[in-house]
C-alpha atoms as a PDB file:
ATOM      1  CA  MET A   1       9.507  -5.560  22.406  1.00  0.00           C
ATOM      2  CA  ALA A   2       6.789  -6.493  24.907  1.00  0.00           C
ATOM      3  CA  PRO A   3       5.897 -10.183  25.171  1.00  0.00           C
ATOM      4  CA  LEU A   4       3.309 -11.559  22.780  1.00  0.00           C
ATOM      5  CA  MET A   5      -0.217 -11.500  24.128  1.00  0.00           C
ATOM      6  CA  PRO A   6      -3.602 -12.738  22.919  1.00  0.00           C
ATOM      7  CA  ALA A   7      -5.422 -10.582  20.369  1.00  0.00           C
ATOM      8  CA  PRO A   8      -8.283  -8.849  22.193  1.00  0.00           C
ATOM      9  CA  ASP A   9     -10.040  -5.789  20.869  1.00  0.00           C
ATOM     10  CA  SER A  10      -7.423  -3.518  22.394  1.00  0.00           C
ATOM     11  CA  PRO A  11      -7.969   0.222  21.912  1.00  0.00           C
ATOM     12  CA  GLY A  12      -4.249   0.704  21.242  1.00  0.00           C
ATOM     13  CA  LEU A  13      -3.043   2.529  18.135  1.00  0.00           C
ATOM     14  CA  PRO A  14      -1.680   0.165  15.437  1.00  0.00           C
ATOM     15  CA  ALA A  15       1.922   1.313  14.954  1.00  0.00           C
ATOM     16  CA  ARG A  16       3.808  -1.570  13.312  1.00  0.00           C
ATOM     17  CA  SER A  17       2.914  -4.859  11.648  1.00  0.00           C
ATOM     18  CA  ALA A  18       4.526  -8.039  10.383  1.00  0.00           C
ATOM     19  CA  LEU A  19       2.953 -10.929   8.521  1.00  0.00           C
ATOM     20  CA  ASP A  20       4.615 -14.350   8.670  1.00  0.00           C
ATOM     21  CA  ALA A  21       3.725 -18.027   8.340  1.00  0.00           C
ATOM     22  CA  THR A  22       1.903 -18.005  11.683  1.00  0.00           C
ATOM     23  CA  GLY A  23      -0.204 -14.893  11.184  1.00  0.00           C
ATOM     24  CA  LEU A  24      -0.114 -11.168  11.885  1.00  0.00           C
ATOM     25  CA  HIS A  25       1.987  -9.533  14.593  1.00  0.00           C
ATOM     26  CA  LEU A  26       0.661  -6.078  15.411  1.00  0.00           C
ATOM     27  CA  ALA A  27       2.280  -3.523  17.730  1.00  0.00           C
ATOM     28  CA  LEU A  28      -0.280  -1.389  19.560  1.00  0.00           C
ATOM     29  CA  VAL A  29       0.815   1.810  21.308  1.00  0.00           C
ATOM     30  CA  ASP A  30      -0.973   3.614  24.101  1.00  0.00           C
ATOM     31  CA  ILE A  31      -1.718   6.873  22.275  1.00  0.00           C
ATOM     32  CA  ALA A  32      -5.120   8.559  22.341  1.00  0.00           C
ATOM     33  CA  ARG A  33      -6.823   9.587  19.109  1.00  0.00           C
ATOM     34  CA  ASP A  34      -6.716  13.255  20.167  1.00  0.00           C
ATOM     35  CA  GLU A  35      -2.907  13.196  19.981  1.00  0.00           C
ATOM     36  CA  LEU A  36      -2.846  12.583  16.223  1.00  0.00           C
ATOM     37  CA  ARG A  37      -2.022  16.161  15.286  1.00  0.00           C
ATOM     38  CA  ASP A  38       1.326  15.557  13.571  1.00  0.00           C
ATOM     39  CA  PRO A  39       1.544  15.514   9.768  1.00  0.00           C
ATOM     40  CA  PHE A  40       2.360  11.786   9.860  1.00  0.00           C
ATOM     41  CA  LEU A  41       1.340   9.050  12.255  1.00  0.00           C
ATOM     42  CA  GLN A  42       4.928   7.982  12.862  1.00  0.00           C
ATOM     43  CA  ASP A  43       5.741  11.536  13.974  1.00  0.00           C
ATOM     44  CA  THR A  44       3.213  11.121  16.778  1.00  0.00           C
ATOM     45  CA  VAL A  45       4.584   7.718  17.771  1.00  0.00           C
ATOM     46  CA  LEU A  46       8.126   9.100  17.966  1.00  0.00           C
ATOM     47  CA  ARG A  47       7.065  12.289  19.732  1.00  0.00           C
ATOM     48  CA  LEU A  48       5.178  10.553  22.536  1.00  0.00           C
ATOM     49  CA  ARG A  49       7.260   7.368  23.010  1.00  0.00           C
ATOM     50  CA  ALA A  50       4.251   5.618  24.545  1.00  0.00           C
ATOM     51  CA  THR A  51       4.173   2.126  25.997  1.00  0.00           C
ATOM     52  CA  HIS A  52       3.195  -0.665  23.637  1.00  0.00           C
ATOM     53  CA  SER A  53       2.254  -4.310  23.416  1.00  0.00           C
ATOM     54  CA  VAL A  54       2.391  -6.825  20.581  1.00  0.00           C
ATOM     55  CA  ILE A  55      -0.584  -8.985  19.727  1.00  0.00           C
ATOM     56  CA  HIS A  56      -0.653 -12.023  17.486  1.00  0.00           C
ATOM     57  CA  VAL A  57      -3.562 -12.855  15.196  1.00  0.00           C
ATOM     58  CA  PRO A  58      -3.341 -16.409  13.780  1.00  0.00           C
ATOM     59  CA  LYS A  59      -3.812 -16.783  10.042  1.00  0.00           C
ATOM     60  CA  SER A  60      -7.076 -18.613  10.624  1.00  0.00           C
ATOM     61  CA  GLN A  61      -8.453 -15.475  12.310  1.00  0.00           C
ATOM     62  CA  LEU A  62      -7.263 -12.885   9.786  1.00  0.00           C
ATOM     63  CA  GLY A  63      -9.872 -10.838   7.981  1.00  0.00           C
ATOM     64  CA  ARG A  64     -12.792 -11.779  10.213  1.00  0.00           C
ATOM     65  CA  PRO A  65     -13.872  -8.127  10.770  1.00  0.00           C
ATOM     66  CA  LEU A  66     -15.299  -6.848   7.489  1.00  0.00           C
ATOM     67  CA  SER A  67     -17.338  -3.819   6.434  1.00  0.00           C
ATOM     68  CA  SER A  68     -18.303  -2.725   9.951  1.00  0.00           C
ATOM     69  CA  THR A  69     -14.708  -1.693  10.715  1.00  0.00           C
ATOM     70  CA  ALA A  70     -13.619  -0.537   7.250  1.00  0.00           C
ATOM     71  CA  PRO A  71     -12.407   3.064   6.830  1.00  0.00           C
ATOM     72  CA  ALA A  72     -14.828   5.773   5.786  1.00  0.00           C
ATOM     73  CA  GLY A  73     -12.333   6.655   3.061  1.00  0.00           C
ATOM     74  CA  VAL A  74      -8.866   5.907   1.725  1.00  0.00           C
ATOM     75  CA  ILE A  75      -6.596   8.598   0.296  1.00  0.00           C
ATOM     76  CA  PHE A  76      -4.001   7.569  -2.281  1.00  0.00           C
ATOM     77  CA  HIS A  77      -1.568  10.032  -3.834  1.00  0.00           C
ATOM     78  CA  VAL A  78       1.362  10.469  -6.212  1.00  0.00           C
ATOM     79  CA  ALA A  79       3.696  12.305  -3.763  1.00  0.00           C
ATOM     80  CA  ARG A  80       4.252  16.052  -3.335  1.00  0.00           C
ATOM     81  CA  CYS A  81       0.687  16.780  -4.403  1.00  0.00           C
ATOM     82  CA  GLY A  82      -1.054  18.232  -1.344  1.00  0.00           C
ATOM     83  CA  SER A  83      -2.129  14.976   0.316  1.00  0.00           C
ATOM     84  CA  THR A  84      -0.736  16.047   3.699  1.00  0.00           C
ATOM     85  CA  LEU A  85      -2.783  19.235   3.500  1.00  0.00           C
ATOM     86  CA  VAL A  86      -5.849  17.106   2.755  1.00  0.00           C
ATOM     87  CA  SER A  87      -5.301  14.810   5.727  1.00  0.00           C
ATOM     88  CA  GLN A  88      -4.464  17.638   8.135  1.00  0.00           C
ATOM     89  CA  LEU A  89      -7.602  19.540   7.165  1.00  0.00           C
ATOM     90  CA  LEU A  90      -9.811  16.459   7.531  1.00  0.00           C
ATOM     91  CA  LYS A  91      -8.493  16.054  11.074  1.00  0.00           C
ATOM     92  CA  LEU A  92     -10.050  19.421  11.902  1.00  0.00           C
ATOM     93  CA  ARG A  93     -13.522  18.050  11.218  1.00  0.00           C
ATOM     94  CA  GLY A  94     -13.351  16.804  14.802  1.00  0.00           C
ATOM     95  CA  GLU A  95     -15.795  13.893  14.548  1.00  0.00           C
ATOM     96  CA  SER A  96     -13.540  11.466  12.720  1.00  0.00           C
ATOM     97  CA  VAL A  97      -9.933  10.292  12.885  1.00  0.00           C
ATOM     98  CA  VAL A  98      -7.298  10.422  10.143  1.00  0.00           C
ATOM     99  CA  TYR A  99      -4.333   8.052  10.182  1.00  0.00           C
ATOM    100  CA  SER A 100      -1.629   9.548   7.967  1.00  0.00           C
ATOM    101  CA  GLU A 101       0.806   7.158   6.255  1.00  0.00           C
ATOM    102  CA  PRO A 102       0.576   4.381   8.883  1.00  0.00           C
ATOM    103  CA  LEU A 103       3.532   2.003   8.991  1.00  0.00           C
ATOM    104  CA  ALA A 104       1.150  -0.798   9.953  1.00  0.00           C
ATOM    105  CA  VAL A 105      -0.217  -0.646   6.394  1.00  0.00           C
ATOM    106  CA  SER A 106       3.068   0.044   4.581  1.00  0.00           C
ATOM    107  CA  GLU A 107       4.829  -2.872   6.262  1.00  0.00           C
ATOM    108  CA  LEU A 108       2.238  -5.263   4.850  1.00  0.00           C
ATOM    109  CA  LEU A 109       2.491  -3.834   1.326  1.00  0.00           C
ATOM    110  CA  VAL A 110       6.274  -3.499   0.969  1.00  0.00           C
ATOM    111  CA  PRO A 111       7.650  -6.181  -1.384  1.00  0.00           C
ATOM    112  CA  PRO A 112       8.527  -8.970  -1.313  1.00  0.00           C
ATOM    113  CA  HIS A 113       5.130  -9.693   0.204  1.00  0.00           C
ATOM    114  CA  ALA A 114       5.121 -12.098   3.125  1.00  0.00           C
ATOM    115  CA  GLY A 115       1.870 -13.763   2.116  1.00  0.00           C
ATOM    116  CA  THR A 116      -0.468 -14.462  -0.752  1.00  0.00           C
ATOM    117  CA  ARG A 117      -2.797 -11.770  -2.057  1.00  0.00           C
ATOM    118  CA  ASP A 118      -5.683 -13.257  -0.082  1.00  0.00           C
ATOM    119  CA  GLU A 119      -3.565 -13.201   3.082  1.00  0.00           C
ATOM    120  CA  LEU A 120      -2.559  -9.585   2.488  1.00  0.00           C
ATOM    121  CA  VAL A 121      -6.194  -8.611   2.009  1.00  0.00           C
ATOM    122  CA  ALA A 122      -7.162 -10.425   5.214  1.00  0.00           C
ATOM    123  CA  ALA A 123      -4.286  -8.840   7.152  1.00  0.00           C
ATOM    124  CA  LEU A 124      -5.268  -5.356   5.945  1.00  0.00           C
ATOM    125  CA  ARG A 125      -8.828  -5.948   7.119  1.00  0.00           C
ATOM    126  CA  THR A 126      -7.543  -6.976  10.532  1.00  0.00           C
ATOM    127  CA  VAL A 127      -5.350  -3.875  10.768  1.00  0.00           C
ATOM    128  CA  GLY A 128      -8.353  -1.801   9.701  1.00  0.00           C
ATOM    129  CA  HIS A 129     -10.382  -3.403  12.476  1.00  0.00           C
ATOM    130  CA  HIS A 130      -7.827  -2.261  15.068  1.00  0.00           C
ATOM    131  CA  PHE A 131      -7.795   1.267  13.633  1.00  0.00           C
ATOM    132  CA  ALA A 132     -11.592   1.274  13.970  1.00  0.00           C
ATOM    133  CA  VAL A 133     -11.382   0.158  17.595  1.00  0.00           C
ATOM    134  CA  HIS A 134      -8.801   2.859  18.328  1.00  0.00           C
ATOM    135  CA  ALA A 135     -10.789   5.565  16.544  1.00  0.00           C
ATOM    136  CA  GLY A 136     -14.149   4.726  18.065  1.00  0.00           C
ATOM    137  CA  SER A 137     -15.682   6.698  15.192  1.00  0.00           C
ATOM    138  CA  PRO A 138     -15.393   6.925  11.392  1.00  0.00           C
ATOM    139  CA  TYR A 139     -11.759   6.991  10.291  1.00  0.00           C
ATOM    140  CA  VAL A 140      -9.765   7.735   7.145  1.00  0.00           C
ATOM    141  CA  LEU A 141      -6.512   6.161   5.974  1.00  0.00           C
ATOM    142  CA  LYS A 142      -4.153   8.492   4.111  1.00  0.00           C
ATOM    143  CA  LEU A 143      -1.513   6.147   2.737  1.00  0.00           C
ATOM    144  CA  SER A 144       2.094   6.651   1.661  1.00  0.00           C
ATOM    145  CA  SER A 145       2.647   7.592  -1.968  1.00  0.00           C
ATOM    146  CA  TRP A 146       4.290   4.306  -2.961  1.00  0.00           C
ATOM    147  CA  ASN A 147       1.340   2.410  -1.439  1.00  0.00           C
ATOM    148  CA  THR A 148      -0.539   3.572  -4.541  1.00  0.00           C
ATOM    149  CA  LEU A 149       1.310   0.862  -6.468  1.00  0.00           C
ATOM    150  CA  PHE A 150      -0.743  -1.663  -4.494  1.00  0.00           C
ATOM    151  CA  CYS A 151      -3.963   0.338  -4.329  1.00  0.00           C
ATOM    152  CA  ASP A 152      -5.961  -2.501  -5.871  1.00  0.00           C
ATOM    153  CA  ILE A 153      -5.071  -4.746  -2.909  1.00  0.00           C
ATOM    154  CA  VAL A 154      -6.187  -2.041  -0.471  1.00  0.00           C
ATOM    155  CA  ALA A 155      -9.417  -1.541  -2.445  1.00  0.00           C
ATOM    156  CA  GLU A 156     -10.066  -5.293  -2.354  1.00  0.00           C
ATOM    157  CA  ALA A 157      -9.575  -5.309   1.423  1.00  0.00           C
ATOM    158  CA  PHE A 158     -12.216  -2.586   1.822  1.00  0.00           C
ATOM    159  CA  PRO A 159     -14.603  -3.149  -1.104  1.00  0.00           C
ATOM    160  CA  ARG A 160     -17.243  -0.655   0.032  1.00  0.00           C
ATOM    161  CA  THR A 161     -14.864   2.140   1.015  1.00  0.00           C
ATOM    162  CA  PRO A 162     -14.697   5.174  -1.286  1.00  0.00           C
ATOM    163  CA  TRP A 163     -11.260   6.331  -2.320  1.00  0.00           C
ATOM    164  CA  ALA A 164      -9.616   9.559  -3.444  1.00  0.00           C
ATOM    165  CA  LEU A 165      -6.418  10.135  -5.389  1.00  0.00           C
ATOM    166  CA  CYS A 166      -4.486  13.361  -4.814  1.00  0.00           C
ATOM    167  CA  ILE A 167      -2.706  14.247  -8.018  1.00  0.00           C
ATOM    168  CA  ARG A 168      -0.642  17.070  -9.478  1.00  0.00           C
ATOM    169  CA  ASP A 169       0.966  17.980 -12.768  1.00  0.00           C
ATOM    170  CA  PRO A 170       3.786  15.455 -13.314  1.00  0.00           C
ATOM    171  CA  LEU A 171       6.416  18.112 -13.991  1.00  0.00           C
ATOM    172  CA  GLU A 172       5.810  19.791 -10.627  1.00  0.00           C
ATOM    173  CA  VAL A 173       5.793  16.450  -8.786  1.00  0.00           C
ATOM    174  CA  CYS A 174       8.990  15.232 -10.409  1.00  0.00           C
ATOM    175  CA  VAL A 175      10.876  18.490  -9.842  1.00  0.00           C
ATOM    176  CA  SER A 176      10.031  18.173  -6.148  1.00  0.00           C
ATOM    177  CA  LEU A 177      11.143  14.514  -6.050  1.00  0.00           C
ATOM    178  CA  GLN A 178      14.347  15.433  -7.878  1.00  0.00           C
ATOM    179  CA  GLN A 179      15.198  18.226  -5.454  1.00  0.00           C
ATOM    180  CA  ARG A 180      14.299  16.344  -2.271  1.00  0.00           C
ATOM    181  CA  GLN A 181      14.278  12.579  -2.707  1.00  0.00           C
ATOM    182  CA  PRO A 182      12.096  10.574  -0.302  1.00  0.00           C
ATOM    183  CA  GLY A 183      13.547   7.450   1.272  1.00  0.00           C
ATOM    184  CA  TRP A 184      11.387   5.092  -0.775  1.00  0.00           C
ATOM    185  CA  LEU A 185      12.833   6.513  -4.000  1.00  0.00           C
ATOM    186  CA  ARG A 186      16.406   6.770  -2.794  1.00  0.00           C
ATOM    187  CA  ASP A 187      16.672   3.393  -1.076  1.00  0.00           C
ATOM    188  CA  ARG A 188      13.889   1.167  -2.384  1.00  0.00           C
ATOM    189  CA  TYR A 189      13.289   2.097  -6.014  1.00  0.00           C
ATOM    190  CA  ALA A 190      14.333  -1.275  -7.446  1.00  0.00           C
ATOM    191  CA  ALA A 191      12.305  -3.302  -4.957  1.00  0.00           C
ATOM    192  CA  LEU A 192       9.161  -1.180  -5.165  1.00  0.00           C
ATOM    193  CA  PHE A 193       8.957  -0.479  -8.879  1.00  0.00           C
ATOM    194  CA  SER A 194      10.126  -3.799 -10.310  1.00  0.00           C
ATOM    195  CA  GLY A 195       7.304  -4.931 -12.572  1.00  0.00           C
ATOM    196  CA  PHE A 196       5.577  -1.538 -12.582  1.00  0.00           C
ATOM    197  CA  VAL A 197       7.734   0.208 -15.191  1.00  0.00           C
ATOM    198  CA  ALA A 198       6.200  -0.310 -18.618  1.00  0.00           C
ATOM    199  CA  PRO A 199       8.150  -2.462 -21.097  1.00  0.00           C
ATOM    200  CA  GLY A 200      10.050  -0.409 -23.633  1.00  0.00           C
ATOM    201  CA  VAL A 201      10.429   2.614 -21.376  1.00  0.00           C
ATOM    202  CA  GLU A 202      12.935   1.262 -18.859  1.00  0.00           C
ATOM    203  CA  PRO A 203      14.628   4.166 -17.012  1.00  0.00           C
ATOM    204  CA  ARG A 204      17.682   5.301 -18.956  1.00  0.00           C
ATOM    205  CA  THR A 205      18.525   8.383 -16.917  1.00  0.00           C
ATOM    206  CA  ALA A 206      17.581   9.785 -13.519  1.00  0.00           C
ATOM    207  CA  GLU A 207      14.985  11.915 -15.284  1.00  0.00           C
ATOM    208  CA  HIS A 208      13.444   8.882 -16.970  1.00  0.00           C
ATOM    209  CA  GLU A 209      13.345   7.134 -13.596  1.00  0.00           C
ATOM    210  CA  LEU A 210      11.361   9.980 -12.062  1.00  0.00           C
ATOM    211  CA  ALA A 211       8.959  10.090 -14.994  1.00  0.00           C
ATOM    212  CA  SER A 212       8.520   6.315 -14.753  1.00  0.00           C
ATOM    213  CA  VAL A 213       7.694   6.589 -11.057  1.00  0.00           C
ATOM    214  CA  PHE A 214       4.879   9.036 -11.790  1.00  0.00           C
ATOM    215  CA  ALA A 215       3.612   6.909 -14.671  1.00  0.00           C
ATOM    216  CA  ALA A 216       3.615   3.803 -12.450  1.00  0.00           C
ATOM    217  CA  PHE A 217       1.464   5.596  -9.889  1.00  0.00           C
ATOM    218  CA  CYS A 218      -1.033   6.637 -12.571  1.00  0.00           C
ATOM    219  CA  ASP A 219      -1.176   3.191 -14.169  1.00  0.00           C
ATOM    220  CA  ALA A 220      -1.698   1.524 -10.790  1.00  0.00           C
ATOM    221  CA  ALA A 221      -4.492   3.940  -9.883  1.00  0.00           C
ATOM    222  CA  GLY A 222      -6.068   3.127 -13.235  1.00  0.00           C
ATOM    223  CA  ARG A 223      -6.885  -0.330 -11.847  1.00  0.00           C
ATOM    224  CA  LEU A 224      -9.251   1.182  -9.280  1.00  0.00           C
ATOM    225  CA  ASP A 225     -13.019   1.271  -9.763  1.00  0.00           C
ATOM    226  CA  PRO A 226     -13.704   4.851 -10.909  1.00  0.00           C
ATOM    227  CA  THR A 227     -17.267   4.710  -9.579  1.00  0.00           C
ATOM    228  CA  ARG A 228     -15.858   4.532  -6.037  1.00  0.00           C
ATOM    229  CA  GLY A 229     -13.325   7.310  -6.386  1.00  0.00           C
ATOM    230  CA  VAL A 230     -12.605  10.956  -7.001  1.00  0.00           C
ATOM    231  CA  LEU A 231      -9.514  12.752  -8.193  1.00  0.00           C
ATOM    232  CA  MET A 232      -8.251  15.574  -6.001  1.00  0.00           C
ATOM    233  CA  PRO A 233      -6.211  17.815  -8.321  1.00  0.00           C
ATOM    234  CA  TYR A 234      -3.651  19.964  -6.556  1.00  0.00           C
ATOM    235  CA  GLU A 235      -5.119  23.126  -8.036  1.00  0.00           C
ATOM    236  CA  SER A 236      -8.532  22.334  -6.488  1.00  0.00           C
ATOM    237  CA  LEU A 237      -7.120  22.525  -2.946  1.00  0.00           C
ATOM    238  CA  PRO A 238      -7.937  23.451  -0.289  1.00  0.00           C
ATOM    239  CA  ASP A 239     -11.618  24.120  -1.098  1.00  0.00           C
ATOM    240  CA  ALA A 240     -12.191  20.635  -2.502  1.00  0.00           C
ATOM    241  CA  VAL A 241     -11.517  19.105   0.922  1.00  0.00           C
ATOM    242  CA  TRP A 242     -14.616  20.577   2.557  1.00  0.00           C
ATOM    243  CA  ASN A 243     -16.656  21.080  -0.610  1.00  0.00           C
ATOM    244  CA  ARG A 244     -16.185  17.656  -2.178  1.00  0.00           C
ATOM    245  CA  LEU A 245     -13.982  15.103  -0.428  1.00  0.00           C
ATOM    246  CA  ALA A 246     -15.629  15.116   2.995  1.00  0.00           C
ATOM    247  CA  ALA A 247     -19.042  14.452   1.460  1.00  0.00           C
ATOM    248  CA  HIS A 248     -17.561  11.732  -0.778  1.00  0.00           C
ATOM    249  CA  PHE A 249     -16.403   9.961   2.400  1.00  0.00           C
ATOM    250  CA  GLY A 250     -19.763  10.522   4.092  1.00  0.00           C
ATOM    251  CA  LEU A 251     -18.277  13.000   6.561  1.00  0.00           C
ATOM    252  CA  PRO A 252     -20.338  16.221   6.561  1.00  0.00           C
ATOM    253  CA  VAL A 253     -18.480  19.359   7.625  1.00  0.00           C
ATOM    254  CA  ALA A 254     -20.147  21.818   9.985  1.00  0.00           C
ATOM    255  CA  ASP A 255     -19.812  25.550   9.314  1.00  0.00           C
ATOM    256  CA  ALA A 256     -17.490  26.025  12.300  1.00  0.00           C
ATOM    257  CA  SER A 257     -15.198  23.215  11.140  1.00  0.00           C
ATOM    258  CA  ARG A 258     -15.154  24.621   7.615  1.00  0.00           C
ATOM    259  CA  GLN A 259     -14.012  27.974   8.947  1.00  0.00           C
ATOM    260  CA  THR A 260     -11.284  26.284  10.995  1.00  0.00           C
ATOM    261  CA  MET A 261     -10.127  24.398   7.899  1.00  0.00           C
ATOM    262  CA  MET A 262     -10.013  27.572   5.833  1.00  0.00           C
ATOM    263  CA  ILE A 263      -7.802  29.299   8.383  1.00  0.00           C
ATOM    264  CA  ALA A 264      -5.503  26.277   8.768  1.00  0.00           C
ATOM    265  CA  SER A 265      -5.071  25.948   4.994  1.00  0.00           C
ATOM    266  CA  ARG A 266      -3.108  29.202   4.930  1.00  0.00           C
ATOM    267  CA  HIS A 267      -0.252  27.534   6.805  1.00  0.00           C
ATOM    268  CA  HIS A 268       2.205  24.820   5.811  1.00  0.00           C
ATOM    269  CA  SER A 269       0.616  21.431   6.397  1.00  0.00           C
ATOM    270  CA  LYS A 270       3.881  19.749   7.383  1.00  0.00           C
ATOM    271  CA  SER A 271       4.636  22.071  10.297  1.00  0.00           C
ATOM    272  CA  GLN A 272       5.631  20.065  13.351  1.00  0.00           C
ATOM    273  CA  VAL A 273       3.527  20.002  16.503  1.00  0.00           C
ATOM    274  CA  GLY A 274       4.862  22.456  19.073  1.00  0.00           C
ATOM    275  CA  ARG A 275       6.732  24.547  16.515  1.00  0.00           C
ATOM    276  CA  PRO A 276       5.707  27.788  14.805  1.00  0.00           C
ATOM    277  CA  THR A 277       3.646  27.204  11.686  1.00  0.00           C
ATOM    278  CA  ASP A 278       4.954  28.575   8.399  1.00  0.00           C
ATOM    279  CA  VAL A 279       2.694  30.455   6.029  1.00  0.00           C
ATOM    280  CA  PHE A 280       2.139  28.390   2.887  1.00  0.00           C
ATOM    281  CA  VAL A 281       3.580  29.895  -0.292  1.00  0.00           C
ATOM    282  CA  PRO A 282       2.458  28.370  -3.635  1.00  0.00           C
ATOM    283  CA  ASP A 283       5.441  26.996  -5.554  1.00  0.00           C
ATOM    284  CA  GLY A 284       4.009  25.575  -8.777  1.00  0.00           C
ATOM    285  CA  GLU A 285       5.413  28.266 -11.049  1.00  0.00           C
ATOM    286  CA  ARG A 286       8.820  28.044  -9.407  1.00  0.00           C
ATOM    287  CA  LYS A 287       8.935  24.280  -9.824  1.00  0.00           C
ATOM    288  CA  ARG A 288       8.029  24.484 -13.504  1.00  0.00           C
ATOM    289  CA  ALA A 289      10.687  27.150 -14.052  1.00  0.00           C
ATOM    290  CA  GLU A 290      13.328  24.979 -12.379  1.00  0.00           C
ATOM    291  CA  ALA A 291      12.641  21.893 -14.502  1.00  0.00           C
ATOM    292  CA  THR A 292      15.575  20.958 -16.719  1.00  0.00           C
ATOM    293  CA  PRO A 293      15.095  20.277 -20.449  1.00  0.00           C
ATOM    294  CA  GLU A 294      16.014  16.623 -19.801  1.00  0.00           C
ATOM    295  CA  LEU A 295      13.273  16.262 -17.205  1.00  0.00           C
ATOM    296  CA  ARG A 296      10.727  17.986 -19.439  1.00  0.00           C
ATOM    297  CA  ARG A 297      11.471  15.540 -22.261  1.00  0.00           C
ATOM    298  CA  ALA A 298      11.176  12.520 -19.952  1.00  0.00           C
ATOM    299  CA  ILE A 299       7.879  13.814 -18.551  1.00  0.00           C
ATOM    300  CA  ASP A 300       6.438  14.351 -22.027  1.00  0.00           C
ATOM    301  CA  GLU A 301       7.581  10.910 -23.170  1.00  0.00           C
ATOM    302  CA  ILE A 302       6.551   8.800 -20.172  1.00  0.00           C
ATOM    303  CA  ALA A 303       4.632  10.570 -17.396  1.00  0.00           C
ATOM    304  CA  ARG A 304       2.237  12.861 -19.226  1.00  0.00           C
ATOM    305  CA  PRO A 305       0.683  10.111 -21.403  1.00  0.00           C
ATOM    306  CA  ALA A 306       0.024   8.025 -18.263  1.00  0.00           C
ATOM    307  CA  TYR A 307      -1.461  11.090 -16.568  1.00  0.00           C
ATOM    308  CA  ALA A 308      -3.756  11.660 -19.557  1.00  0.00           C
ATOM    309  CA  ARG A 309      -4.863   8.000 -19.555  1.00  0.00           C
ATOM    310  CA  LEU A 310      -5.803   8.228 -15.885  1.00  0.00           C
ATOM    311  CA  ILE A 311      -7.733  11.472 -16.326  1.00  0.00           C
ATOM    312  CA  ASP A 312      -9.583   9.954 -19.269  1.00  0.00           C
ATOM    313  CA  ARG A 313     -10.449   6.815 -17.289  1.00  0.00           C
ATOM    314  CA  MET A 314     -11.780   8.883 -14.391  1.00  0.00           C
ATOM    315  CA  SER A 315     -13.892  11.096 -16.646  1.00  0.00           C
ATOM    316  CA  PRO A 316     -17.648  10.677 -16.052  1.00  0.00           C
ATOM    317  CA  THR A 317     -18.152  10.144 -19.782  1.00  0.00           C
ATOM    318  CA  ALA A 318     -15.468   7.448 -20.051  1.00  0.00           C
END
């Protein structure tokens, strides 16, 4: 690691973070905003291997930048629901920057938290300030799926920022998680979901665990202010990105950018930079057909009621 330096308004890209008793340590890498073409921010950091420095922001200075450097929008999601497509298409708008699943945010939110809630909120605002400096224009944070468990902390850090939640039928999401487990589910389930699984429905099988994960995401999102947010159902993509979400974030889309988005949406959003892009093939019907009876029962018992509660809460007539 580079030696610690003062905390100027460096234009570096926030790549890593750590909060301790002295304040916030933030690693800034020398990567230009135009390089952020990978599906995930960490992909770009690993691909370019740029030089970096580490700054230290004392606790007394945390959270000083407020609304002027807040994101134009925050995207939460429930995993395997089209959120990467959403973020990749928003990047094509060209006049804003999208930071996809930044470790600098996740490392503050991963439990056990290194500070009080107020300190976490202040640290998130400081990280947001450095993203704003790097972007030099409106920016959007698309967070990791498990970050949704702590979405109320993120919303408190940026109280005027509109949010969106990408969501998909729980059966399709859970089949995908069952077939290809992400690291946070495989290695960190106990740490992340302790306290989020509803009493009386403790996971009894692997299928119940998956259903409980989805339900926890929905219940956490239910704590958000619905007047600041929109749901982005999987079946509404990709059109909802340019027809609804961009305007919700105050980011108008020009006709040329809309056409570029439409063309890009035909390809797989997780294709790596420098490699051939795969044509996207819808897989909803296949996922539903592959669901086991055990998973269907767990979804109906645990996940689908939570999904219905969230939809009801987000309804304009609620």
